[in-house]
Amino acid sequence: FRLPTEDEIRDLIKPELRCAYASMTAAEQRLKGN
C-alpha cells in the first residue's frame, strides 16, 4: 500500500472536493504554524 501522489489525488477528486481539500490543508498548515 502506498499513498497516492498529490497529482494523482488531484486527478481523482472532483473540483468541489478539491476546494475542500485545499482549505483543509491550508487550515492544517495554519494550525502547525507553517
PDB file of N, CA and C in Angstrom:
ATOM      1  N   PHE A   1       0.844  -1.203   0.000  1.00  0.00           N
ATOM      2  CA  PHE A   1       0.000   0.000   0.000  1.00  0.00           C
ATOM      3  C   PHE A   1       0.872   1.242   0.000  1.00  0.00           C
ATOM      4  N   ARG A   2       0.499   2.197  -0.849  1.00  0.00           N
ATOM      5  CA  ARG A   2       1.215   3.466  -0.835  1.00  0.00           C
ATOM      6  C   ARG A   2       0.219   4.592  -0.987  1.00  0.00           C
ATOM      7  N   LEU A   3       0.576   5.721  -0.435  1.00  0.00           N
ATOM      8  CA  LEU A   3      -0.279   6.887  -0.596  1.00  0.00           C
ATOM      9  C   LEU A   3      -0.162   7.401  -2.018  1.00  0.00           C
ATOM     10  N   PRO A   4      -1.286   7.835  -2.603  1.00  0.00           N
ATOM     11  CA  PRO A   4      -1.213   8.427  -3.938  1.00  0.00           C
ATOM     12  C   PRO A   4      -0.468   9.748  -3.884  1.00  0.00           C
ATOM     13  N   THR A   5       0.148  10.098  -4.984  1.00  0.00           N
ATOM     14  CA  THR A   5       0.832  11.385  -5.043  1.00  0.00           C
ATOM     15  C   THR A   5      -0.201  12.499  -5.102  1.00  0.00           C
ATOM     16  N   GLU A   6       0.253  13.704  -4.867  1.00  0.00           N
ATOM     17  CA  GLU A   6      -0.664  14.837  -4.883  1.00  0.00           C
ATOM     18  C   GLU A   6      -1.311  14.990  -6.259  1.00  0.00           C
ATOM     19  N   ASP A   7      -0.534  14.723  -7.309  1.00  0.00           N
ATOM     20  CA  ASP A   7      -1.084  14.812  -8.664  1.00  0.00           C
ATOM     21  C   ASP A   7      -2.178  13.775  -8.892  1.00  0.00           C
ATOM     22  N   GLU A   8      -1.962  12.574  -8.388  1.00  0.00           N
ATOM     23  CA  GLU A   8      -2.964  11.523  -8.545  1.00  0.00           C
ATOM     24  C   GLU A   8      -4.241  11.881  -7.803  1.00  0.00           C
ATOM     25  N   ILE A   9      -4.067  12.409  -6.596  1.00  0.00           N
ATOM     26  CA  ILE A   9      -5.226  12.846  -5.826  1.00  0.00           C
ATOM     27  C   ILE A   9      -5.988  13.914  -6.597  1.00  0.00           C
ATOM     28  N   ARG A  10      -5.239  14.850  -7.159  1.00  0.00           N
ATOM     29  CA  ARG A  10      -5.848  15.960  -7.887  1.00  0.00           C
ATOM     30  C   ARG A  10      -6.646  15.447  -9.090  1.00  0.00           C
ATOM     31  N   ASP A  11      -6.132  14.420  -9.739  1.00  0.00           N
ATOM     32  CA  ASP A  11      -6.844  13.853 -10.886  1.00  0.00           C
ATOM     33  C   ASP A  11      -8.092  13.089 -10.452  1.00  0.00           C
ATOM     34  N   LEU A  12      -8.023  12.487  -9.282  1.00  0.00           N
ATOM     35  CA  LEU A  12      -9.122  11.641  -8.834  1.00  0.00           C
ATOM     36  C   LEU A  12     -10.316  12.435  -8.317  1.00  0.00           C
ATOM     37  N   ILE A  13     -10.033  13.460  -7.539  1.00  0.00           N
ATOM     38  CA  ILE A  13     -11.126  14.110  -6.829  1.00  0.00           C
ATOM     39  C   ILE A  13     -11.797  15.174  -7.672  1.00  0.00           C
ATOM     40  N   LYS A  14     -13.075  15.380  -7.408  1.00  0.00           N
ATOM     41  CA  LYS A  14     -13.858  16.366  -8.137  1.00  0.00           C
ATOM     42  C   LYS A  14     -13.443  17.766  -7.704  1.00  0.00           C
ATOM     43  N   PRO A  15     -13.686  18.741  -8.565  1.00  0.00           N
ATOM     44  CA  PRO A  15     -13.298  20.127  -8.256  1.00  0.00           C
ATOM     45  C   PRO A  15     -13.828  20.619  -6.912  1.00  0.00           C
ATOM     46  N   GLU A  16     -15.076  20.288  -6.570  1.00  0.00           N
ATOM     47  CA  GLU A  16     -15.620  20.777  -5.298  1.00  0.00           C
ATOM     48  C   GLU A  16     -14.907  20.138  -4.115  1.00  0.00           C
ATOM     49  N   LEU A  17     -14.537  18.864  -4.268  1.00  0.00           N
ATOM     50  CA  LEU A  17     -13.777  18.210  -3.211  1.00  0.00           C
ATOM     51  C   LEU A  17     -12.369  18.774  -3.142  1.00  0.00           C
ATOM     52  N   ARG A  18     -11.846  19.157  -4.305  1.00  0.00           N
ATOM     53  CA  ARG A  18     -10.502  19.719  -4.357  1.00  0.00           C
ATOM     54  C   ARG A  18     -10.441  21.017  -3.553  1.00  0.00           C
ATOM     55  N   CYS A  19     -11.498  21.811  -3.649  1.00  0.00           N
ATOM     56  CA  CYS A  19     -11.561  23.057  -2.877  1.00  0.00           C
ATOM     57  C   CYS A  19     -11.567  22.754  -1.386  1.00  0.00           C
ATOM     58  N   ALA A  20     -12.363  21.772  -0.995  1.00  0.00           N
ATOM     59  CA  ALA A  20     -12.438  21.398   0.412  1.00  0.00           C
ATOM     60  C   ALA A  20     -11.088  20.881   0.897  1.00  0.00           C
ATOM     61  N   TYR A  21     -10.436  20.079   0.053  1.00  0.00           N
ATOM     62  CA  TYR A  21      -9.127  19.528   0.410  1.00  0.00           C
ATOM     63  C   TYR A  21      -8.098  20.636   0.567  1.00  0.00           C
ATOM     64  N   ALA A  22      -8.158  21.618  -0.345  1.00  0.00           N
ATOM     65  CA  ALA A  22      -7.198  22.720  -0.299  1.00  0.00           C
ATOM     66  C   ALA A  22      -7.375  23.540   0.971  1.00  0.00           C
ATOM     67  N   SER A  23      -8.622  23.840   1.332  1.00  0.00           N
ATOM     68  CA  SER A  23      -8.844  24.634   2.537  1.00  0.00           C
ATOM     69  C   SER A  23      -8.504  23.829   3.783  1.00  0.00           C
ATOM     70  N   MET A  24      -8.742  22.526   3.734  1.00  0.00           N
ATOM     71  CA  MET A  24      -8.378  21.655   4.843  1.00  0.00           C
ATOM     72  C   MET A  24      -6.867  21.656   5.047  1.00  0.00           C
ATOM     73  N   THR A  25      -6.139  21.546   3.949  1.00  0.00           N
ATOM     74  CA  THR A  25      -4.683  21.547   4.015  1.00  0.00           C
ATOM     75  C   THR A  25      -4.164  22.886   4.521  1.00  0.00           C
ATOM     76  N   ALA A  26      -4.765  23.964   4.038  1.00  0.00           N
ATOM     77  CA  ALA A  26      -4.349  25.297   4.465  1.00  0.00           C
ATOM     78  C   ALA A  26      -4.607  25.480   5.957  1.00  0.00           C
ATOM     79  N   ALA A  27      -5.751  25.007   6.422  1.00  0.00           N
ATOM     80  CA  ALA A  27      -6.082  25.122   7.839  1.00  0.00           C
ATOM     81  C   ALA A  27      -5.106  24.313   8.685  1.00  0.00           C
ATOM     82  N   GLU A  28      -4.750  23.139   8.200  1.00  0.00           N
ATOM     83  CA  GLU A  28      -3.810  22.283   8.923  1.00  0.00           C
ATOM     84  C   GLU A  28      -2.449  22.958   9.035  1.00  0.00           C
ATOM     85  N   GLN A  29      -2.001  23.568   7.954  1.00  0.00           N
ATOM     86  CA  GLN A  29      -0.713  24.252   7.974  1.00  0.00           C
ATOM     87  C   GLN A  29      -0.761  25.458   8.914  1.00  0.00           C
ATOM     88  N   ARG A  30      -1.913  26.137   8.940  1.00  0.00           N
ATOM     89  CA  ARG A  30      -2.061  27.286   9.827  1.00  0.00           C
ATOM     90  C   ARG A  30      -1.970  26.828  11.282  1.00  0.00           C
ATOM     91  N   LEU A  31      -2.584  25.671  11.584  1.00  0.00           N
ATOM     92  CA  LEU A  31      -2.531  25.136  12.939  1.00  0.00           C
ATOM     93  C   LEU A  31      -1.107  24.773  13.333  1.00  0.00           C
ATOM     94  N   LYS A  32      -0.355  24.249  12.375  1.00  0.00           N
ATOM     95  CA  LYS A  32       1.024  23.863  12.652  1.00  0.00           C
ATOM     96  C   LYS A  32       1.945  25.073  12.698  1.00  0.00           C
ATOM     97  N   GLY A  33       1.456  26.201  12.200  1.00  0.00           N
ATOM     98  CA  GLY A  33       2.254  27.420  12.231  1.00  0.00           C
ATOM     99  C   GLY A  33       3.252  27.513  11.099  1.00  0.00           C
ATOM    100  N   ASN A  34       3.005  26.803  10.015  1.00  0.00           N
ATOM    101  CA  ASN A  34       3.930  26.854   8.875  1.00  0.00           C
ATOM    102  C   ASN A  34       3.664  28.087   8.031  1.00  0.00           C
TER     103      ASN A  34
END
